[in-house]
Amino acid sequence: MFRNLNFEDLAVMALLLDAEEEENIDCVVVKKRSTWVHDILKKRKVEGEHATLCKELEDYEDKFFKYFRMSKYQFNVLLLKIEKTGDSYQSIAFSFRLGHLTVQSIVLEVCSAIISKLKEEYLSIPSEENWKRIAKEFWDIWNFPNCIGALDGKHVFIEAPPNSGSLYFNYKKSFSIVLLALVDAQYKFLAVDIGAYGKNSDGGILSNSNLGKALERNKLNLPNDQYLPDANEKLPLVIIGDEAFPLKKYLLRPYPGPQMYEDQKKKNFNDRLSRARKDVEDAFGQLTAMFRIYCRNVNALPQNADTIVMTTCIFHNFIKTSATEVCSKEMSSGLSLPGHITRLHRHGGSAQKEAFENRDKFKNFLCSPAGKLPWE
């Protein structure tokens, strides 16, 4: 498999390996290349990872997956989709006997190629029928009715951008951009908004995002109100979030603490919503376990960090869509890795009367014979 790998193949590896970046990652200087090559780099074809480790990993599926975070089959499928993109790429820093700035520029080029070739297929808004399928899966897997996604945000920590003031400075006293994600019942990203300032609340990020605007304008191909499982009542299809988000007709959040303690039914509703919302937290955990950039500060300008984060989200969906048994086992074993999964600062919001009424109807259903679970 690896005998015919070219620079483009190695560029994919550069992204997966998350090569260390220098401070000048975004300052690649275009100049005529010197004819002098360091002695270390001259040994690339004999001692570089492509010539040694990669060929050995070809014979061991499980070790291949641990190293590249995807199976050999998935690697080849990905390569077929992007191999005709661009011209000649230079590759993989010291492990592959090439320069750091070369690797850094390749990462962004490959990210752009992956986004261009895979985004529409692996991260696009579902059709009306697919929304219905997702709602059924949320009920079957997470026992929450009429749910089309779990919503949450996560900080992606970056080095302080030049001349940015406090825009990216978050409540954790560090710099970050925000990944806001809507996740289906099987941990795949349905929609993402990337790049909001770290200082912003997730409720505000949602309202200003394309996702939030599309929800407000009913532009997401959502079906009309659907019957609750084994019940005669219709309610809207909704997304679920925590107390950081405003209560909307299409967005359910928990009852506030004082209300929950006064009413057992409200507590049951909160418990069920929290259980289903764990889906998006697990998706972030899997993303962190798979991509090392989430375990440290990303040393890139915000716009380049946005591109890298988008690529990891597409990769995540690509791998989960065609996951093998080895892949599934490895991903599930990584859920406990915390990385930099940091919850966003909490701000609530006002809600219309209909939104309050809908939440009460969901609460009543979950406490009814049709919606109650055996152990509740």
Protein backbone atom coordinates (compact mmCIF):
# COMPACT_ATOMS: atom_id res chain seq x y z
CA MET A 1 0.00 0.00 0.00
CA PHE A 2 2.68 2.51 0.98
CA ARG A 3 5.18 1.78 -1.74
CA ASN A 4 3.65 4.34 -4.09
CA LEU A 5 2.86 7.02 -1.56
CA ASN A 6 3.67 10.51 -2.75
CA PHE A 7 4.02 13.83 -0.94
CA GLU A 8 0.24 14.23 -0.80
CA ASP A 9 -0.08 10.93 1.08
CA LEU A 10 2.46 12.08 3.61
CA ALA A 11 0.64 15.38 4.00
CA VAL A 12 -2.39 13.47 5.27
CA MET A 13 -0.12 11.86 7.81
CA ALA A 14 1.19 15.28 8.82
CA LEU A 15 -2.30 16.32 9.82
CA LEU A 16 -3.00 13.07 11.67
CA LEU A 17 0.32 13.15 13.47
CA ASP A 18 -0.16 16.80 14.37
CA ALA A 19 3.48 17.73 13.86
CA GLU A 20 4.86 20.29 16.29
CA GLU A 21 4.53 23.85 15.05
CA GLU A 22 7.03 26.67 15.34
CA GLU A 23 6.18 30.19 16.31
CA ASN A 24 6.32 31.22 12.65
CA ILE A 25 3.66 28.77 11.45
CA ASP A 26 1.72 31.51 9.67
CA CYS A 27 4.73 33.30 8.24
CA VAL A 28 5.91 31.05 5.43
CA VAL A 29 8.35 33.04 3.30
CA VAL A 30 8.28 32.44 -0.42
CA LYS A 31 11.84 32.42 -1.77
CA LYS A 32 14.08 30.48 -4.07
CA ARG A 33 15.04 27.22 -2.41
CA SER A 34 18.68 26.79 -1.51
CA THR A 35 20.55 23.90 -3.12
CA TRP A 36 22.09 22.97 0.24
CA VAL A 37 20.28 20.21 2.12
CA HIS A 38 21.05 19.18 5.68
CA ASP A 39 22.66 15.78 6.09
CA ILE A 40 19.72 14.58 8.20
CA LEU A 41 17.26 15.34 5.43
CA LYS A 42 19.38 13.51 2.87
CA LYS A 43 18.56 10.26 4.71
CA ARG A 44 14.83 10.60 4.14
CA LYS A 45 14.50 7.71 1.68
CA VAL A 46 16.36 5.35 3.98
CA GLU A 47 15.65 6.45 7.56
CA GLY A 48 12.47 8.54 7.33
CA GLU A 49 9.26 7.16 8.79
CA HIS A 50 7.86 6.54 5.33
CA ALA A 51 10.77 4.19 4.61
CA THR A 52 10.68 2.46 7.99
CA LEU A 53 7.71 2.58 10.34
CA CYS A 54 4.94 3.10 7.77
CA LYS A 55 5.83 -0.01 5.82
CA GLU A 56 5.88 -2.09 9.00
CA LEU A 57 2.51 -0.77 10.16
CA GLU A 58 0.96 -1.94 6.89
CA ASP A 59 0.95 -5.51 8.22
CA TYR A 60 -0.78 -4.72 11.55
CA GLU A 61 -4.30 -3.29 11.29
CA ASP A 62 -4.69 -2.53 14.99
CA LYS A 63 -1.33 -0.74 15.27
CA PHE A 64 -1.98 1.11 12.02
CA PHE A 65 -5.21 2.45 13.51
CA LYS A 66 -3.55 3.49 16.77
CA TYR A 67 -0.92 5.45 14.84
CA PHE A 68 -3.06 7.08 12.13
CA ARG A 69 -6.43 7.04 13.94
CA MET A 70 -8.08 5.38 10.95
CA SER A 71 -8.00 1.97 9.29
CA LYS A 72 -5.96 1.19 6.16
CA TYR A 73 -9.19 1.03 4.18
CA GLN A 74 -10.28 4.46 5.44
CA PHE A 75 -6.85 5.90 4.68
CA ASN A 76 -7.04 4.70 1.08
CA VAL A 77 -10.60 5.98 0.64
CA LEU A 78 -9.53 9.37 1.93
CA LEU A 79 -6.48 9.40 -0.33
CA LEU A 80 -8.60 8.64 -3.41
CA LYS A 81 -10.78 11.65 -2.62
CA ILE A 82 -7.96 14.19 -2.37
CA GLU A 83 -5.00 12.75 -4.29
CA LYS A 84 -5.61 14.91 -7.39
CA THR A 85 -5.75 18.11 -5.36
CA GLY A 86 -2.91 20.62 -5.68
CA ASP A 87 0.58 20.21 -7.10
CA SER A 88 3.64 18.75 -5.38
CA TYR A 89 3.61 18.89 -1.56
CA GLN A 90 6.71 18.78 0.63
CA SER A 91 6.35 16.62 3.74
CA ILE A 92 6.82 15.62 7.16
CA ALA A 93 9.39 17.42 9.27
CA PHE A 94 12.12 15.56 11.12
CA SER A 95 10.45 12.17 11.37
CA PHE A 96 10.14 12.18 7.59
CA ARG A 97 13.40 14.15 7.15
CA LEU A 98 11.86 17.42 5.97
CA GLY A 99 11.70 20.97 7.29
CA HIS A 100 9.22 22.30 9.87
CA LEU A 101 7.92 25.20 7.80
CA THR A 102 7.28 22.80 4.96
CA VAL A 103 5.09 20.62 7.17
CA GLN A 104 3.27 23.60 8.58
CA SER A 105 2.29 24.89 5.16
CA ILE A 106 1.27 21.39 4.05
CA VAL A 107 -1.16 20.99 6.94
CA LEU A 108 -3.16 24.02 5.81
CA GLU A 109 -3.07 22.98 2.16
CA VAL A 110 -4.29 19.48 2.99
CA CYS A 111 -6.95 20.82 5.33
CA SER A 112 -8.30 23.00 2.55
CA ALA A 113 -8.31 20.03 0.17
CA ILE A 114 -10.17 17.84 2.65
CA ILE A 115 -12.76 20.51 3.36
CA SER A 116 -13.27 21.07 -0.34
CA LYS A 117 -13.63 17.38 -1.20
CA LEU A 118 -15.36 15.90 1.86
CA LYS A 119 -17.42 18.58 3.61
CA GLU A 120 -20.50 18.26 1.45
CA GLU A 121 -20.56 14.49 1.84
CA TYR A 122 -19.73 14.18 5.52
CA LEU A 123 -20.87 17.43 7.14
CA SER A 124 -23.95 18.83 5.45
CA ILE A 125 -27.48 19.60 6.66
CA PRO A 126 -29.66 16.43 6.72
CA SER A 127 -32.73 15.98 4.56
CA GLU A 128 -36.22 15.89 6.06
CA GLU A 129 -36.19 12.08 6.06
CA ASN A 130 -32.81 11.99 7.76
CA TRP A 131 -34.03 14.34 10.49
CA LYS A 132 -36.83 11.83 11.18
CA ARG A 133 -34.30 9.00 11.29
CA ILE A 134 -32.11 10.93 13.74
CA ALA A 135 -35.13 11.60 15.98
CA LYS A 136 -35.94 7.88 16.04
CA GLU A 137 -32.33 7.05 16.95
CA PHE A 138 -32.37 9.54 19.82
CA TRP A 139 -35.42 7.80 21.22
CA ASP A 140 -34.04 4.30 20.67
CA ILE A 141 -30.53 5.02 21.99
CA TRP A 142 -30.93 7.91 24.44
CA ASN A 143 -34.64 7.64 25.31
CA PHE A 144 -35.42 11.25 24.47
CA PRO A 145 -38.37 11.83 22.11
CA ASN A 146 -38.55 14.10 19.03
CA CYS A 147 -34.89 15.06 19.44
CA ILE A 148 -32.79 15.84 16.37
CA GLY A 149 -29.50 16.71 18.03
CA ALA A 150 -27.57 17.59 21.17
CA LEU A 151 -25.91 21.02 21.22
CA ASP A 152 -22.87 22.20 23.11
CA GLY A 153 -19.73 24.27 22.75
CA LYS A 154 -16.10 23.67 23.55
CA HIS A 155 -13.09 25.92 23.79
CA VAL A 156 -10.15 25.18 21.51
CA PHE A 157 -7.14 26.77 23.13
CA ILE A 158 -4.80 28.82 20.96
CA GLU A 159 -1.72 30.95 21.43
CA ALA A 160 -2.55 34.61 22.01
CA PRO A 161 -3.20 36.13 18.55
CA PRO A 162 -1.25 39.32 17.81
CA ASN A 163 -3.11 42.61 18.30
CA SER A 164 -6.33 40.85 19.37
CA GLY A 165 -6.73 42.46 22.79
CA SER A 166 -9.20 40.54 24.93
CA LEU A 167 -11.38 39.17 22.11
CA TYR A 168 -10.11 35.61 22.48
CA PHE A 169 -9.47 35.81 26.24
CA ASN A 170 -11.94 33.51 28.00
CA TYR A 171 -13.15 33.10 31.55
CA LYS A 172 -10.50 30.42 32.12
CA LYS A 173 -7.84 33.15 31.72
CA SER A 174 -6.55 31.70 28.45
CA PHE A 175 -7.07 32.34 24.74
CA SER A 176 -9.46 30.26 22.66
CA ILE A 177 -11.81 29.96 19.76
CA VAL A 178 -15.12 28.15 20.20
CA LEU A 179 -16.36 25.03 18.46
CA LEU A 180 -20.17 24.97 18.67
CA ALA A 181 -21.53 21.62 17.53
CA LEU A 182 -24.86 19.89 16.95
CA VAL A 183 -24.40 16.11 17.26
CA ASP A 184 -26.66 13.23 16.24
CA ALA A 185 -27.47 10.15 18.35
CA GLN A 186 -24.37 8.31 17.14
CA TYR A 187 -21.78 11.00 17.92
CA LYS A 188 -21.52 12.44 14.40
CA PHE A 189 -21.48 16.19 13.83
CA LEU A 190 -24.57 17.52 12.05
CA ALA A 191 -23.54 21.18 12.03
CA VAL A 192 -20.64 23.14 13.47
CA ASP A 193 -19.81 26.80 13.98
CA ILE A 194 -16.10 27.42 14.46
CA GLY A 195 -14.11 30.49 15.35
CA ALA A 196 -16.24 32.57 17.72
CA TYR A 197 -14.27 34.60 20.24
CA GLY A 198 -13.43 32.76 23.43
CA LYS A 199 -14.96 35.53 25.54
CA ASN A 200 -18.46 34.98 24.08
CA SER A 201 -21.18 32.88 25.69
CA ASP A 202 -22.47 29.86 23.81
CA GLY A 203 -26.01 31.26 23.78
CA GLY A 204 -24.74 34.36 22.03
CA ILE A 205 -22.62 32.29 19.67
CA LEU A 206 -25.66 30.24 18.66
CA SER A 207 -27.81 33.29 17.95
CA ASN A 208 -25.11 34.80 15.71
CA SER A 209 -24.20 31.56 13.94
CA ASN A 210 -25.56 30.31 10.62
CA LEU A 211 -27.09 27.39 12.51
CA GLY A 212 -28.93 29.67 14.94
CA LYS A 213 -30.19 31.92 12.17
CA ALA A 214 -31.37 28.92 10.13
CA LEU A 215 -33.23 27.54 13.15
CA GLU A 216 -34.93 30.88 13.77
CA ARG A 217 -35.99 31.10 10.11
CA ASN A 218 -36.96 27.42 9.83
CA LYS A 219 -34.48 26.85 7.00
CA LEU A 220 -33.11 23.42 7.99
CA ASN A 221 -35.58 21.11 6.20
CA LEU A 222 -37.12 20.17 9.54
CA PRO A 223 -40.31 18.11 9.39
CA ASN A 224 -43.53 19.41 10.90
CA ASP A 225 -44.55 18.47 14.43
CA GLN A 226 -44.33 14.71 14.99
CA TYR A 227 -46.25 12.33 17.23
CA LEU A 228 -44.47 11.38 20.42
CA PRO A 229 -43.58 7.66 20.60
CA ASP A 230 -46.68 5.52 21.33
CA ALA A 231 -48.71 8.65 22.07
CA ASN A 232 -51.43 10.70 20.39
CA GLU A 233 -49.80 14.08 20.98
CA LYS A 234 -47.68 15.96 18.46
CA LEU A 235 -44.73 18.14 19.44
CA PRO A 236 -42.00 19.91 17.46
CA LEU A 237 -38.68 18.26 16.70
CA VAL A 238 -36.16 19.86 19.04
CA ILE A 239 -32.49 20.09 19.84
CA ILE A 240 -31.34 19.79 23.44
CA GLY A 241 -28.79 21.86 25.32
CA ASP A 242 -27.78 22.83 28.82
CA GLU A 243 -28.59 25.92 30.85
CA ALA A 244 -26.20 28.03 28.75
CA PHE A 245 -28.75 28.18 25.93
CA PRO A 246 -32.06 30.05 25.78
CA LEU A 247 -35.31 28.11 25.85
CA LYS A 248 -36.92 28.10 22.40
CA LYS A 249 -39.66 26.24 20.61
CA TYR A 250 -36.94 24.26 18.85
CA LEU A 251 -34.46 24.16 21.77
CA LEU A 252 -35.00 22.50 25.15
CA ARG A 253 -32.90 23.35 28.19
CA PRO A 254 -33.23 22.08 31.78
CA TYR A 255 -35.58 23.54 34.37
CA PRO A 256 -33.72 25.92 36.71
CA GLY A 257 -32.50 24.47 40.00
CA PRO A 258 -35.18 25.88 42.34
CA GLN A 259 -37.97 24.55 40.11
CA MET A 260 -36.34 21.15 39.83
CA TYR A 261 -36.13 20.64 43.58
CA GLU A 262 -39.78 21.56 44.03
CA ASP A 263 -41.17 19.16 41.42
CA GLN A 264 -40.12 15.52 40.95
CA LYS A 265 -41.39 15.50 37.36
CA LYS A 266 -39.13 18.42 36.51
CA LYS A 267 -36.21 16.60 38.10
CA ASN A 268 -36.98 13.51 35.99
CA PHE A 269 -37.09 15.68 32.87
CA ASN A 270 -33.73 17.25 33.71
CA ASP A 271 -32.18 13.84 34.36
CA ARG A 272 -33.39 12.47 31.03
CA LEU A 273 -32.24 15.56 29.13
CA SER A 274 -28.84 15.41 30.83
CA ARG A 275 -28.48 11.75 29.91
CA ALA A 276 -29.26 12.43 26.24
CA ARG A 277 -27.06 15.51 26.14
CA LYS A 278 -24.09 13.37 27.21
CA ASP A 279 -24.02 12.37 23.55
CA VAL A 280 -22.39 15.66 22.50
CA GLU A 281 -19.93 15.56 25.40
CA ASP A 282 -18.87 12.06 24.34
CA ALA A 283 -18.43 13.29 20.75
CA PHE A 284 -16.05 16.00 22.00
CA GLY A 285 -14.22 13.34 24.03
CA GLN A 286 -13.77 11.19 20.95
CA LEU A 287 -12.54 14.18 18.96
CA THR A 288 -9.95 14.94 21.63
CA ALA A 289 -8.84 11.31 21.86
CA MET A 290 -8.33 11.18 18.10
CA PHE A 291 -6.61 14.53 17.43
CA ARG A 292 -3.73 15.72 19.58
CA ILE A 293 -4.24 19.39 18.78
CA TYR A 294 -7.04 19.43 21.38
CA CYS A 295 -4.60 18.41 24.11
CA ARG A 296 -2.53 21.61 23.89
CA ASN A 297 -2.64 25.15 22.57
CA VAL A 298 -2.90 25.40 18.79
CA ASN A 299 -0.01 27.56 17.59
CA ALA A 300 -1.73 29.17 14.60
CA LEU A 301 -3.57 32.33 13.72
CA PRO A 302 -7.32 32.06 14.50
CA GLN A 303 -8.37 31.75 10.85
CA ASN A 304 -5.93 28.88 10.35
CA ALA A 305 -7.01 27.24 13.59
CA ASP A 306 -10.60 27.42 12.29
CA THR A 307 -9.54 25.51 9.18
CA ILE A 308 -7.76 22.82 11.18
CA VAL A 309 -10.70 22.36 13.57
CA MET A 310 -13.17 22.08 10.68
CA THR A 311 -10.97 19.41 9.13
CA THR A 312 -10.93 17.35 12.33
CA CYS A 313 -14.75 17.49 12.49
CA ILE A 314 -15.00 16.22 8.92
CA PHE A 315 -12.40 13.54 9.65
CA HIS A 316 -14.38 12.50 12.73
CA ASN A 317 -17.53 11.97 10.65
CA PHE A 318 -15.61 10.28 7.85
CA ILE A 319 -14.10 7.75 10.24
CA LYS A 320 -17.34 7.08 12.11
CA THR A 321 -19.30 6.65 8.89
CA SER A 322 -17.01 3.85 7.70
CA ALA A 323 -15.78 2.63 11.08
CA THR A 324 -14.46 -0.91 11.31
CA GLU A 325 -14.66 -3.02 14.46
CA VAL A 326 -11.07 -2.08 15.27
CA CYS A 327 -11.85 1.59 14.78
CA SER A 328 -14.96 1.48 16.97
CA LYS A 329 -13.08 -0.28 19.76
CA GLU A 330 -10.23 2.21 19.73
CA MET A 331 -12.52 5.24 19.66
CA SER A 332 -14.67 4.03 22.54
CA SER A 333 -11.58 3.37 24.64
CA GLY A 334 -10.60 7.02 24.31
CA LEU A 335 -13.74 8.56 25.76
CA SER A 336 -12.17 9.11 29.17
CA LEU A 337 -9.43 11.38 27.82
CA PRO A 338 -10.20 14.89 29.08
CA GLY A 339 -7.84 16.91 26.89
CA HIS A 340 -8.92 20.55 26.79
CA ILE A 341 -12.67 19.86 26.94
CA THR A 342 -13.76 22.98 28.76
CA ARG A 343 -17.34 24.00 29.21
CA LEU A 344 -18.40 27.41 28.01
CA HIS A 345 -19.41 30.24 30.29
CA ARG A 346 -23.09 29.98 31.17
CA HIS A 347 -25.69 32.53 30.19
CA GLY A 348 -29.39 31.82 29.98
CA GLY A 349 -31.97 33.66 27.94
CA SER A 350 -35.62 34.67 27.72
CA ALA A 351 -38.22 32.33 26.25
CA GLN A 352 -41.61 32.70 24.70
CA LYS A 353 -44.71 31.26 26.30
CA GLU A 354 -44.97 28.49 23.69
CA ALA A 355 -41.45 27.31 24.54
CA PHE A 356 -42.36 26.96 28.23
CA GLU A 357 -45.52 25.08 27.32
CA ASN A 358 -43.66 22.69 25.02
CA ARG A 359 -41.10 21.89 27.71
CA ASP A 360 -43.92 21.08 30.14
CA LYS A 361 -45.44 18.75 27.53
CA PHE A 362 -42.16 16.93 27.08
CA LYS A 363 -41.88 16.68 30.87
CA ASN A 364 -45.37 15.21 31.18
CA PHE A 365 -44.71 12.67 28.42
CA LEU A 366 -41.47 11.49 30.03
CA CYS A 367 -43.37 10.84 33.25
CA SER A 368 -46.26 9.05 31.51
CA PRO A 369 -46.51 5.27 30.94
CA ALA A 370 -45.50 5.75 27.29
CA GLY A 371 -42.39 7.75 28.12
CA LYS A 372 -41.26 6.45 31.49
CA LEU A 373 -38.34 4.02 31.62
CA PRO A 374 -38.55 0.78 33.65
CA TRP A 375 -35.98 1.88 36.23
CA GLU A 376 -37.53 5.32 36.86
